Amino acid sequence: MKQKGILVTAFFGFILLTSTIMIAIPGLTPPEDNPEITITGTPADNFPDEQRAQFCGSSNAKSTDYVKEFSIPTACTNPLAVVTDYDGNVWFTQTNTGKLAKFDPNTETFSEYDNPSWPQGGRSMMWGIDYAPDGSVWFTDETYDSVWKFSTIDEKYDRIAYPSEGNSLPQKLQIDGSQIIINDFTGNKLTFLDPNQSGEEVNYLSIPSPIDDSVTADFAVDANDNVWFTNWLFQQGGVLVKFNQNGYLDSVANSDEKSLPLLDFVEIYELPVELLTPNGAVISKDGTIWLSDTTSSSFFNFIPSSEEFIQYVTADPLLSTYGNQTGIVKSPISRPYWIETDEQGRIVFNAQTANNISVMDPKSQSLIEYHVPSKNPYWGDCDPGTGMMLSDCGLAQIFDFTINGEKIWFTEWVENKIGVVDTSVPLPLEIQLESNTINLAPGESQHLNFIVSPKSQKDLLGISLILIPTQEFLNIDLSHDTPETFQLDSDVPRPIHTTISASEDALPGTYKILLGAQSSDIAISKFVTVTIE
């Protein structure tokens, strides 16, 4: 258990950091010999006094035109995995209490359910959750190698021991028909179990991943029941794996062997060198796979028919998310984390270090990034050197979200809040491109104009342009008379004049650039497809 804790804490310690700033987290930095702990009778007692603002929240719930937050009544619960039930209730796990909690959007009230089996002072990252048709909520627990079932009818918990060999970490969880699928992040396997079982003695089917000594990250199931997931080595890249689970199970059922060679039932696709940490995975309605990269500002679309990866990019994080009081952050990144798809076929992901919930429409090639208002200054470079924290700086650590119709619910791990994005709220502006595509030869340039059109009845202050290429050999330059920041009057569209150029060393292929505009609450952009011939 100790070895597992060191490995897991070291890895997630890196993921919890802003771009280049080392933040103190339990287990990663040496504790004081005798830290002061004021007993409050709340979960905050799991942290010494000096860490409570960092992990237990720093502000009251806030709202924008698009996002509304709600403070959890119990202090310092560290909410993490979240899901909605058929009635629209929001269920989420609590890292710092071992409890499951429910939020009723109609009454805006919380209910928290004590877990009598949870050890006093126990803490665990609970990354995976799903709601079953029988009214039960299933979730994972990395510290105690467990899968939990909570009955929403009789309000009782059942603990199921997860098959742990070495450094297991049951992470994401999905109910798929008559089975539950779990990825073992550090145990390097996928696990399948029957949800009708209960108690300690449970039968699992564990499928080892094809790449040794790698991690097994998030997964998605396509229309033919193939399971897609990634194997990767930290900062060294990896592969996308397609597992033919029906073929495997049929062969096992008709064989005297208890298991068969996995490689007979998988197809492996090497990830592009730009994709280092594909945590999230989802399959869209068109059968293509989307992956989010947590060590960059990129997310990727994989097209199985052509075996092609297409790289997309987000807007840069706002300065308020990282502060940069010391000037240490040279290239801020947004870190897309988990990724899902909604009923409209849009791609949704949480951009961890941009403090955003983002929605990408593959059909319109548009990207809307909703900025979450709460920020914790202890997770950014927010100290001006006087001991006083900046008032609007830092991160809420938005580690999970769930989609319910046009609303996206999310948790704020270090702000003790949940929140909701309402994607039905009209946008304040729109981006109209002169062209959606552009062809360039290496060393060539072309003009490309777009218009930022107001859709609001009020003037918009502090609008800044978004001009982001996915490759270093692509450049976007503004004309000399076009400012990067401006006021957008309510009835005056603003034309933007740009020049797109490819350097002499540009590689042939298809690439994306992101053009748009943002305010302090929302970023609205569109992708242009650039073909280098």
Protein backbone atom coordinates (compact mmCIF):
# COMPACT_ATOMS: atom_id res chain seq x y z
CA MET A 1 0.00 0.00 0.00
CA LYS A 2 2.83 2.41 0.82
CA GLN A 3 4.51 1.82 -2.55
CA LYS A 4 1.23 2.36 -4.33
CA GLY A 5 0.64 5.58 -2.45
CA ILE A 6 4.03 6.99 -3.45
CA LEU A 7 3.55 6.13 -7.11
CA VAL A 8 0.01 7.45 -7.33
CA THR A 9 0.72 10.61 -5.36
CA ALA A 10 3.78 11.38 -7.46
CA PHE A 11 1.86 10.99 -10.72
CA PHE A 12 -1.25 12.89 -9.71
CA GLY A 13 0.94 15.41 -7.96
CA PHE A 14 2.29 16.30 -11.39
CA ILE A 15 -1.16 16.44 -12.93
CA LEU A 16 -2.41 18.70 -10.11
CA LEU A 17 0.21 21.31 -10.85
CA THR A 18 -0.29 24.42 -12.89
CA SER A 19 1.97 24.75 -15.90
CA THR A 20 5.37 24.85 -14.21
CA ILE A 21 4.57 25.61 -10.58
CA MET A 22 5.22 23.08 -7.83
CA ILE A 23 2.33 23.11 -5.38
CA ALA A 24 2.52 21.42 -1.97
CA ILE A 25 0.16 18.47 -1.70
CA PRO A 26 -0.02 15.80 1.02
CA GLY A 27 2.43 12.99 0.38
CA LEU A 28 4.44 14.95 -2.18
CA THR A 29 6.10 17.42 0.17
CA PRO A 30 7.49 16.65 3.65
CA PRO A 31 4.99 17.49 6.42
CA GLU A 32 6.00 19.63 9.33
CA ASP A 33 7.08 17.73 12.43
CA ASN A 34 4.20 19.08 14.49
CA PRO A 35 1.71 20.85 12.24
CA GLU A 36 -0.99 22.80 14.04
CA ILE A 37 -4.39 21.13 13.77
CA THR A 38 -7.45 22.88 15.18
CA ILE A 39 -10.17 20.32 15.82
CA THR A 40 -13.44 21.43 14.21
CA GLY A 41 -15.39 18.17 14.11
CA THR A 42 -15.56 18.43 10.30
CA PRO A 43 -13.62 16.71 7.48
CA ALA A 44 -11.26 19.70 7.55
CA ASP A 45 -9.59 17.97 10.51
CA ASN A 46 -7.86 15.69 7.97
CA PHE A 47 -5.65 18.67 7.04
CA PRO A 48 -3.36 20.81 9.20
CA ASP A 49 -4.53 24.39 9.61
CA GLU A 50 -2.05 25.78 7.09
CA GLN A 51 -3.43 23.56 4.28
CA ARG A 52 -7.14 24.10 4.86
CA ALA A 53 -7.57 27.12 2.61
CA GLN A 54 -5.76 25.20 -0.12
CA PHE A 55 -7.91 22.04 0.07
CA CYS A 56 -11.13 23.09 1.79
CA GLY A 57 -12.17 26.15 -0.24
CA SER A 58 -11.44 29.83 -0.30
CA SER A 59 -14.69 31.56 -1.29
CA ASN A 60 -18.48 31.45 -1.42
CA ALA A 61 -20.42 30.12 -4.42
CA LYS A 62 -20.38 32.42 -7.47
CA SER A 63 -22.25 32.69 -10.76
CA THR A 64 -21.95 34.08 -14.28
CA ASP A 65 -24.52 34.28 -17.08
CA TYR A 66 -23.62 30.68 -18.00
CA VAL A 67 -22.38 29.00 -14.80
CA LYS A 68 -23.98 28.64 -11.36
CA GLU A 69 -22.19 27.21 -8.32
CA PHE A 70 -23.47 25.68 -5.08
CA SER A 71 -21.48 25.34 -1.84
CA ILE A 72 -21.59 21.95 -0.12
CA PRO A 73 -22.87 22.43 3.47
CA THR A 74 -20.25 20.14 5.05
CA ALA A 75 -16.79 21.69 5.08
CA CYS A 76 -13.88 20.25 3.12
CA THR A 77 -15.46 17.23 1.43
CA ASN A 78 -13.30 17.34 -1.75
CA PRO A 79 -16.04 16.41 -4.28
CA LEU A 80 -14.81 14.37 -7.23
CA ALA A 81 -16.71 11.91 -9.49
CA VAL A 82 -20.21 13.04 -10.47
CA VAL A 83 -23.22 11.56 -12.29
CA THR A 84 -26.94 12.35 -12.70
CA ASP A 85 -29.85 9.96 -12.25
CA TYR A 86 -33.00 9.64 -14.36
CA ASP A 87 -34.76 12.36 -12.32
CA GLY A 88 -31.92 14.84 -12.82
CA ASN A 89 -30.51 14.53 -9.30
CA VAL A 90 -26.75 15.02 -9.11
CA TRP A 91 -24.74 12.34 -7.27
CA PHE A 92 -21.07 12.83 -6.39
CA THR A 93 -18.32 11.22 -4.35
CA GLN A 94 -16.40 12.91 -1.55
CA THR A 95 -12.65 12.25 -1.42
CA ASN A 96 -12.29 13.46 2.15
CA THR A 97 -15.26 11.67 3.75
CA GLY A 98 -15.87 8.41 1.83
CA LYS A 99 -19.49 9.48 1.43
CA LEU A 100 -21.80 9.70 -1.54
CA ALA A 101 -23.84 12.91 -1.74
CA LYS A 102 -26.89 14.02 -3.72
CA PHE A 103 -27.92 17.46 -4.93
CA ASP A 104 -31.55 18.10 -5.91
CA PRO A 105 -31.57 20.85 -8.58
CA ASN A 106 -35.29 21.55 -8.00
CA THR A 107 -34.93 22.38 -4.30
CA GLU A 108 -31.20 23.22 -4.48
CA THR A 109 -30.58 21.06 -1.42
CA PHE A 110 -27.81 18.58 -0.57
CA SER A 111 -28.10 15.16 1.07
CA GLU A 112 -24.97 13.36 2.29
CA TYR A 113 -25.04 9.67 3.15
CA ASP A 114 -22.80 8.36 5.92
CA ASN A 115 -20.73 5.32 5.02
CA PRO A 116 -20.46 3.19 8.19
CA SER A 117 -17.70 1.07 6.62
CA TRP A 118 -15.41 4.05 5.99
CA PRO A 119 -12.40 4.32 8.34
CA GLN A 120 -12.09 7.41 10.51
CA GLY A 121 -9.99 10.01 8.73
CA GLY A 122 -9.79 7.93 5.54
CA ARG A 123 -9.25 9.72 2.23
CA SER A 124 -9.43 8.35 -1.32
CA MET A 125 -9.57 9.68 -4.87
CA MET A 126 -12.84 8.30 -6.27
CA TRP A 127 -12.51 8.91 -10.01
CA GLY A 128 -15.25 6.68 -11.45
CA ILE A 129 -19.03 6.73 -10.96
CA ASP A 130 -22.15 5.58 -12.80
CA TYR A 131 -25.89 5.23 -12.16
CA ALA A 132 -27.57 1.85 -12.73
CA PRO A 133 -31.15 1.21 -13.90
CA ASP A 134 -31.98 -0.49 -10.56
CA GLY A 135 -31.40 2.79 -8.69
CA SER A 136 -27.90 2.03 -7.45
CA VAL A 137 -24.83 4.22 -7.77
CA TRP A 138 -21.48 2.53 -8.36
CA PHE A 139 -18.13 4.22 -7.73
CA THR A 140 -14.43 3.38 -7.46
CA ASP A 141 -12.07 3.91 -4.53
CA GLU A 142 -8.32 3.91 -5.17
CA THR A 143 -7.01 3.95 -1.57
CA TYR A 144 -8.75 0.80 -0.43
CA ASP A 145 -8.84 -1.00 -3.81
CA SER A 146 -12.61 -1.09 -3.76
CA VAL A 147 -15.71 -0.75 -5.86
CA TRP A 148 -18.73 0.55 -3.95
CA LYS A 149 -22.43 0.08 -4.61
CA PHE A 150 -24.88 2.47 -2.99
CA SER A 151 -28.60 1.70 -3.11
CA THR A 152 -30.56 4.92 -3.47
CA ILE A 153 -33.65 3.00 -2.33
CA ASP A 154 -32.52 1.66 1.05
CA GLU A 155 -29.53 4.05 1.35
CA LYS A 156 -27.03 1.28 2.10
CA TYR A 157 -23.48 0.74 0.89
CA ASP A 158 -21.90 -2.52 -0.30
CA ARG A 159 -18.13 -2.71 -0.59
CA ILE A 160 -16.69 -4.99 -3.28
CA ALA A 161 -12.99 -5.79 -3.13
CA TYR A 162 -11.21 -4.91 -6.36
CA PRO A 163 -8.68 -7.50 -7.65
CA SER A 164 -5.43 -5.82 -6.70
CA GLU A 165 -2.08 -7.16 -7.75
CA GLY A 166 0.77 -4.79 -7.03
CA ASN A 167 -0.08 -1.16 -7.71
CA SER A 168 -3.75 -1.33 -8.66
CA LEU A 169 -5.80 1.84 -9.04
CA PRO A 170 -9.43 1.30 -10.06
CA GLN A 171 -10.26 4.54 -11.84
CA LYS A 172 -13.09 5.27 -14.31
CA LEU A 173 -16.22 3.10 -14.18
CA GLN A 174 -18.96 2.55 -16.73
CA ILE A 175 -22.09 0.40 -16.59
CA ASP A 176 -22.32 -1.22 -20.02
CA GLY A 177 -25.44 -3.35 -20.35
CA SER A 178 -25.14 -6.32 -18.00
CA GLN A 179 -21.57 -5.58 -16.96
CA ILE A 180 -19.41 -2.93 -15.35
CA ILE A 181 -16.11 -1.92 -16.96
CA ILE A 182 -13.28 -0.38 -14.93
CA ASN A 183 -9.81 0.67 -16.03
CA ASP A 184 -7.01 -0.15 -13.60
CA PHE A 185 -4.78 2.87 -14.12
CA THR A 186 -1.58 1.58 -12.53
CA GLY A 187 -2.52 -2.11 -12.60
CA ASN A 188 -2.42 -2.02 -16.41
CA LYS A 189 -5.64 -3.87 -17.09
CA LEU A 190 -9.34 -3.55 -17.89
CA THR A 191 -11.72 -5.25 -15.49
CA PHE A 192 -15.24 -6.53 -16.20
CA LEU A 193 -17.69 -7.51 -13.45
CA ASP A 194 -21.32 -8.52 -13.13
CA PRO A 195 -23.22 -5.78 -11.22
CA ASN A 196 -25.69 -8.34 -9.86
CA GLN A 197 -23.00 -9.72 -7.57
CA SER A 198 -22.45 -8.31 -4.08
CA GLY A 199 -20.21 -8.81 -1.07
CA GLU A 200 -16.53 -9.57 -0.84
CA GLU A 201 -16.47 -12.66 -3.08
CA VAL A 202 -17.01 -11.31 -6.58
CA ASN A 203 -15.94 -12.78 -9.90
CA TYR A 204 -14.02 -10.47 -12.19
CA LEU A 205 -12.71 -10.85 -15.70
CA SER A 206 -9.46 -8.88 -16.00
CA ILE A 207 -7.90 -8.25 -19.39
CA PRO A 208 -4.21 -7.31 -19.25
CA SER A 209 -3.18 -4.41 -21.45
CA PRO A 210 -0.88 -5.23 -24.39
CA ILE A 211 1.89 -2.77 -23.41
CA ASP A 212 3.93 -3.76 -20.35
CA ASP A 213 4.78 -1.27 -17.62
CA SER A 214 2.38 1.36 -18.96
CA VAL A 215 -0.77 2.84 -17.48
CA THR A 216 -4.25 1.93 -18.69
CA ALA A 217 -6.31 5.09 -18.98
CA ASP A 218 -9.94 5.90 -19.76
CA PHE A 219 -11.97 3.77 -22.17
CA ALA A 220 -15.03 3.94 -24.42
CA VAL A 221 -17.29 1.31 -25.99
CA ASP A 222 -18.29 1.61 -29.66
CA ALA A 223 -21.49 0.47 -31.40
CA ASN A 224 -19.99 -3.00 -32.00
CA ASP A 225 -19.00 -3.44 -28.32
CA ASN A 226 -15.32 -2.93 -29.04
CA VAL A 227 -13.57 -1.27 -26.10
CA TRP A 228 -11.14 1.52 -26.99
CA PHE A 229 -8.56 2.65 -24.43
CA THR A 230 -5.04 4.06 -24.21
CA ASN A 231 -1.80 2.64 -22.85
CA TRP A 232 0.97 5.15 -22.26
CA LEU A 233 4.19 5.76 -20.40
CA PHE A 234 4.54 8.98 -18.46
CA GLN A 235 5.81 11.71 -20.81
CA GLN A 236 6.89 9.05 -23.34
CA GLY A 237 3.76 8.53 -25.43
CA GLY A 238 1.85 5.33 -26.04
CA VAL A 239 -0.85 3.58 -28.08
CA LEU A 240 -4.57 3.55 -28.70
CA VAL A 241 -5.98 0.04 -28.27
CA LYS A 242 -9.12 -1.47 -29.82
CA PHE A 243 -10.20 -4.58 -27.89
CA ASN A 244 -12.68 -6.97 -29.55
CA GLN A 245 -14.42 -8.03 -26.37
CA ASN A 246 -17.15 -10.08 -28.11
CA GLY A 247 -14.57 -12.05 -30.06
CA TYR A 248 -12.53 -12.64 -26.93
CA LEU A 249 -15.49 -13.74 -24.77
CA ASP A 250 -16.86 -16.02 -27.49
CA SER A 251 -13.47 -17.66 -27.91
CA VAL A 252 -13.03 -18.15 -24.17
CA ALA A 253 -16.52 -19.67 -23.92
CA ASN A 254 -15.67 -22.18 -26.67
CA SER A 255 -12.18 -22.98 -25.39
CA ASP A 256 -10.83 -25.18 -22.61
CA GLU A 257 -8.42 -22.36 -21.71
CA LYS A 258 -9.44 -19.89 -19.00
CA SER A 259 -7.74 -17.09 -20.92
CA LEU A 260 -6.40 -16.57 -24.41
CA PRO A 261 -3.59 -14.35 -25.77
CA LEU A 262 -4.87 -10.80 -25.70
CA LEU A 263 -2.97 -9.76 -28.81
CA ASP A 264 -5.21 -12.05 -30.87
CA PHE A 265 -8.12 -9.72 -30.10
CA VAL A 266 -6.63 -6.24 -30.19
CA GLU A 267 -5.60 -3.69 -32.78
CA ILE A 268 -2.96 -1.17 -31.75
CA TYR A 269 -2.47 2.33 -33.15
CA GLU A 270 0.57 4.38 -32.20
CA LEU A 271 -0.28 7.75 -30.73
CA PRO A 272 1.14 10.87 -32.38
CA VAL A 273 4.24 12.28 -30.70
CA GLU A 274 2.29 15.39 -29.63
CA LEU A 275 -0.13 13.27 -27.56
CA LEU A 276 1.63 12.34 -24.31
CA THR A 277 -1.04 11.95 -21.62
CA PRO A 278 -4.39 10.82 -23.07
CA ASN A 279 -6.47 10.54 -19.90
CA GLY A 280 -9.95 10.93 -21.37
CA ALA A 281 -11.51 8.89 -24.21
CA VAL A 282 -14.94 8.94 -25.85
CA ILE A 283 -16.55 7.76 -29.10
CA SER A 284 -18.74 10.22 -30.99
CA LYS A 285 -21.86 9.42 -32.99
CA ASP A 286 -19.84 9.10 -36.20
CA GLY A 287 -17.73 6.30 -34.68
CA THR A 288 -14.55 8.35 -34.36
CA ILE A 289 -12.56 8.44 -31.11
CA TRP A 290 -11.73 11.61 -29.18
CA LEU A 291 -8.83 11.78 -26.72
CA SER A 292 -7.88 14.56 -24.30
CA ASP A 293 -4.23 15.33 -23.53
CA THR A 294 -3.53 16.41 -19.95
CA THR A 295 0.01 17.62 -20.57
CA SER A 296 -0.88 20.17 -23.25
CA SER A 297 -3.75 22.36 -24.48
CA SER A 298 -4.77 19.80 -27.11
CA PHE A 299 -7.40 17.18 -27.76
CA PHE A 300 -7.37 14.74 -30.66
CA ASN A 301 -9.78 13.03 -33.03
CA PHE A 302 -8.88 9.55 -34.32
CA ILE A 303 -10.59 8.35 -37.51
CA PRO A 304 -10.46 4.51 -37.63
CA SER A 305 -11.17 4.26 -41.37
CA SER A 306 -8.07 6.28 -42.29
CA GLU A 307 -6.10 5.64 -39.09
CA GLU A 308 -5.54 9.41 -38.92
CA PHE A 309 -5.18 11.59 -35.82
CA ILE A 310 -6.30 15.23 -36.06
CA GLN A 311 -5.07 17.62 -33.38
CA TYR A 312 -7.29 20.38 -31.97
CA VAL A 313 -6.35 23.08 -29.47
CA THR A 314 -8.04 25.23 -26.82
CA ALA A 315 -7.67 28.92 -26.11
CA ASP A 316 -4.83 29.84 -23.76
CA PRO A 317 -5.79 29.94 -20.07
CA LEU A 318 -6.73 33.34 -18.73
CA LEU A 319 -4.01 35.07 -16.71
CA SER A 320 -6.27 34.87 -13.65
CA THR A 321 -5.98 31.09 -13.57
CA TYR A 322 -2.23 31.02 -13.02
CA GLY A 323 -1.42 34.55 -11.83
CA ASN A 324 2.22 34.47 -12.83
CA GLN A 325 3.27 36.89 -10.12
CA THR A 326 6.84 35.55 -10.26
CA GLY A 327 6.94 35.34 -14.05
CA ILE A 328 7.76 31.63 -13.92
CA VAL A 329 4.98 30.55 -16.33
CA LYS A 330 6.26 30.98 -19.88
CA SER A 331 3.74 28.86 -21.79
CA PRO A 332 0.46 28.31 -19.87
CA ILE A 333 -1.54 25.26 -20.93
CA SER A 334 -5.16 24.27 -20.34
CA ARG A 335 -4.78 20.51 -19.65
CA PRO A 336 -7.97 18.88 -21.07
CA TYR A 337 -8.75 16.02 -18.65
CA TRP A 338 -11.83 13.81 -19.14
CA ILE A 339 -13.89 13.94 -22.33
CA GLU A 340 -17.49 12.90 -23.14
CA THR A 341 -20.16 13.43 -25.81
CA ASP A 342 -23.71 14.75 -25.39
CA GLU A 343 -27.02 13.93 -27.08
CA GLN A 344 -26.35 16.52 -29.78
CA GLY A 345 -23.05 14.89 -30.72
CA ARG A 346 -20.96 17.66 -29.17
CA ILE A 347 -17.65 16.87 -27.45
CA VAL A 348 -17.38 18.06 -23.83
CA PHE A 349 -14.23 18.18 -21.70
CA ASN A 350 -12.93 19.80 -18.52
CA ALA A 351 -9.83 21.93 -19.10
CA GLN A 352 -8.24 21.61 -15.66
CA THR A 353 -5.72 24.45 -15.59
CA ALA A 354 -7.92 26.82 -17.61
CA ASN A 355 -10.75 26.43 -15.04
CA ASN A 356 -13.08 25.74 -17.96
CA ILE A 357 -15.84 23.41 -19.08
CA SER A 358 -15.50 23.25 -22.86
CA VAL A 359 -17.94 22.22 -25.60
CA MET A 360 -16.77 21.44 -29.14
CA ASP A 361 -19.21 20.87 -32.01
CA PRO A 362 -17.57 18.67 -34.68
CA LYS A 363 -20.21 19.64 -37.26
CA SER A 364 -19.74 23.40 -37.01
CA GLN A 365 -16.09 23.07 -35.92
CA SER A 366 -16.83 25.50 -33.08
CA LEU A 367 -15.47 25.58 -29.53
CA ILE A 368 -17.22 27.23 -26.56
CA GLU A 369 -15.18 27.44 -23.34
CA TYR A 370 -17.15 28.33 -20.21
CA HIS A 371 -15.05 29.84 -17.44
CA VAL A 372 -15.86 28.71 -13.90
CA PRO A 373 -15.84 31.76 -11.59
CA SER A 374 -14.46 30.23 -8.38
CA LYS A 375 -10.70 30.04 -8.08
CA ASN A 376 -8.45 28.88 -5.25
CA PRO A 377 -5.31 31.09 -5.12
CA TYR A 378 -3.21 28.34 -3.52
CA TRP A 379 -3.21 26.50 -6.87
CA GLY A 380 -1.57 29.22 -8.93
CA ASP A 381 1.27 31.70 -8.85
CA CYS A 382 -0.98 34.15 -7.05
CA ASP A 383 1.15 35.56 -4.22
CA PRO A 384 2.30 39.11 -5.00
CA GLY A 385 5.06 38.76 -2.39
CA THR A 386 3.24 40.53 0.42
CA GLY A 387 1.59 37.47 1.91
CA MET A 388 -1.78 38.59 0.53
CA MET A 389 -3.49 36.47 -2.12
CA LEU A 390 -4.95 37.99 -5.28
CA SER A 391 -8.73 38.07 -5.13
CA ASP A 392 -9.46 36.40 -8.49
CA CYS A 393 -6.61 34.00 -9.14
CA GLY A 394 -6.05 30.24 -9.09
CA LEU A 395 -7.92 27.04 -9.83
CA ALA A 396 -10.96 25.24 -8.47
CA GLN A 397 -9.53 21.88 -9.69
CA ILE A 398 -12.51 20.80 -11.80
CA PHE A 399 -11.77 17.08 -11.98
CA ASP A 400 -15.06 15.63 -13.22
CA PHE A 401 -18.32 16.50 -14.94
CA THR A 402 -21.51 14.84 -16.16
CA ILE A 403 -23.95 15.81 -18.92
CA ASN A 404 -27.71 15.97 -18.40
CA GLY A 405 -29.50 17.38 -21.45
CA GLU A 406 -28.21 20.90 -22.06
CA LYS A 407 -26.68 21.16 -18.59
CA ILE A 408 -23.19 20.09 -17.59
CA TRP A 409 -22.68 19.45 -13.87
CA PHE A 410 -19.16 19.50 -12.43
CA THR A 411 -17.28 19.30 -9.14
CA GLU A 412 -14.69 21.68 -7.69
CA TRP A 413 -12.26 19.50 -5.74
CA VAL A 414 -10.51 22.24 -3.74
CA GLU A 415 -13.43 24.68 -3.47
CA ASN A 416 -15.99 22.31 -1.86
CA LYS A 417 -18.60 23.17 -4.48
CA ILE A 418 -20.49 21.72 -7.39
CA GLY A 419 -21.61 23.78 -10.35
CA VAL A 420 -23.60 23.67 -13.56
CA VAL A 421 -23.10 25.09 -17.05
CA ASP A 422 -26.30 25.86 -18.93
CA THR A 423 -25.41 25.49 -22.61
CA SER A 424 -28.88 26.72 -23.67
CA VAL A 425 -28.06 30.29 -22.60
CA PRO A 426 -27.59 32.46 -25.73
CA LEU A 427 -23.98 33.35 -26.49
CA PRO A 428 -22.88 37.02 -26.39
CA LEU A 429 -21.11 36.92 -29.76
CA GLU A 430 -20.48 34.73 -32.78
CA ILE A 431 -17.53 34.11 -35.07
CA GLN A 432 -18.08 34.28 -38.84
CA LEU A 433 -15.19 32.97 -40.91
CA GLU A 434 -14.38 34.17 -44.41
CA SER A 435 -13.40 30.57 -45.16
CA ASN A 436 -13.34 27.32 -43.21
CA THR A 437 -10.35 25.97 -45.11
CA ILE A 438 -7.06 27.22 -46.46
CA ASN A 439 -4.37 25.56 -48.60
CA LEU A 440 -0.71 26.51 -48.21
CA ALA A 441 2.63 25.39 -49.53
CA PRO A 442 5.68 25.52 -47.22
CA GLY A 443 6.88 29.12 -47.03
CA GLU A 444 3.55 30.50 -48.31
CA SER A 445 1.11 32.99 -46.67
CA GLN A 446 -2.55 33.87 -47.24
CA HIS A 447 -4.94 36.42 -45.81
CA LEU A 448 -7.89 35.08 -43.85
CA ASN A 449 -10.48 37.40 -42.33
CA PHE A 450 -13.22 36.77 -39.81
CA ILE A 451 -15.90 38.84 -38.09
CA VAL A 452 -16.69 39.05 -34.39
CA SER A 453 -20.42 39.82 -34.31
CA PRO A 454 -22.24 40.89 -31.10
CA LYS A 455 -25.35 38.91 -30.16
CA SER A 456 -25.99 40.76 -26.90
CA GLN A 457 -27.94 43.99 -26.30
CA LYS A 458 -25.12 45.39 -24.19
CA ASP A 459 -21.59 46.48 -24.99
CA LEU A 460 -18.94 43.85 -24.22
CA LEU A 461 -15.81 45.15 -22.50
CA GLY A 462 -12.39 43.56 -22.48
CA ILE A 463 -12.84 41.27 -25.48
CA SER A 464 -9.56 39.64 -26.53
CA LEU A 465 -8.78 37.68 -29.68
CA ILE A 466 -7.96 33.97 -29.83
CA LEU A 467 -5.38 33.09 -32.50
CA ILE A 468 -3.97 29.63 -31.78
CA PRO A 469 -2.21 27.23 -34.21
CA THR A 470 -1.68 23.56 -33.42
CA GLN A 471 1.80 23.45 -34.95
CA GLU A 472 4.86 25.67 -34.49
CA PHE A 473 5.37 25.90 -38.25
CA LEU A 474 2.00 27.69 -38.61
CA ASN A 475 1.77 31.38 -37.72
CA ILE A 476 -1.19 33.76 -37.35
CA ASP A 477 -0.43 37.47 -37.65
CA LEU A 478 -2.84 40.37 -37.20
CA SER A 479 -2.84 43.33 -39.56
CA HIS A 480 -1.22 46.42 -38.06
CA ASP A 481 -4.57 48.19 -37.54
CA THR A 482 -6.25 45.31 -35.65
CA PRO A 483 -5.97 45.42 -31.82
CA GLU A 484 -5.80 42.17 -29.83
CA THR A 485 -8.13 43.57 -27.13
CA PHE A 486 -11.15 45.80 -27.69
CA GLN A 487 -14.69 46.75 -26.69
CA LEU A 488 -17.41 45.09 -28.79
CA ASP A 489 -20.33 47.49 -29.21
CA SER A 490 -23.76 45.89 -29.16
CA ASP A 491 -24.64 46.77 -32.76
CA VAL A 492 -21.23 46.98 -34.45
CA PRO A 493 -19.60 43.82 -35.87
CA ARG A 494 -15.81 43.95 -35.83
CA PRO A 495 -13.81 42.59 -38.78
CA ILE A 496 -10.51 40.91 -37.95
CA HIS A 497 -7.75 40.75 -40.59
CA THR A 498 -5.15 38.00 -40.25
CA THR A 499 -2.37 36.45 -42.29
CA ILE A 500 -1.83 32.68 -42.03
CA SER A 501 1.64 31.49 -42.97
CA ALA A 502 3.51 28.20 -43.10
CA SER A 503 7.26 28.14 -42.49
CA GLU A 504 9.69 26.60 -44.98
CA ASP A 505 9.96 23.46 -42.80
CA ALA A 506 6.19 22.90 -42.64
CA LEU A 507 5.24 19.24 -43.03
CA PRO A 508 2.54 18.15 -45.51
CA GLY A 509 -0.74 17.26 -43.82
CA THR A 510 -4.04 18.54 -42.42
CA TYR A 511 -3.95 20.86 -39.41
CA LYS A 512 -6.25 23.08 -37.37
CA ILE A 513 -6.00 26.67 -36.20
CA LEU A 514 -8.38 28.27 -33.69
CA LEU A 515 -9.79 31.76 -34.33
CA GLY A 516 -12.16 33.53 -31.97
CA ALA A 517 -12.70 35.95 -29.11
CA GLN A 518 -13.19 35.75 -25.36
CA SER A 519 -14.31 37.70 -22.33
CA SER A 520 -13.64 36.92 -18.68
CA ASP A 521 -16.61 34.48 -18.64
CA ILE A 522 -16.60 32.73 -22.00
CA ALA A 523 -14.46 32.01 -25.07
CA ILE A 524 -16.08 31.47 -28.49
CA SER A 525 -14.01 30.19 -31.42
CA LYS A 526 -14.03 28.26 -34.66
CA PHE A 527 -11.49 25.93 -36.22
CA VAL A 528 -10.02 26.53 -39.66
CA THR A 529 -8.62 23.53 -41.52
CA VAL A 530 -5.17 24.21 -42.99
CA THR A 531 -3.84 21.82 -45.62
CA ILE A 532 -0.09 21.91 -46.23
CA GLU A 533 0.51 20.60 -49.74
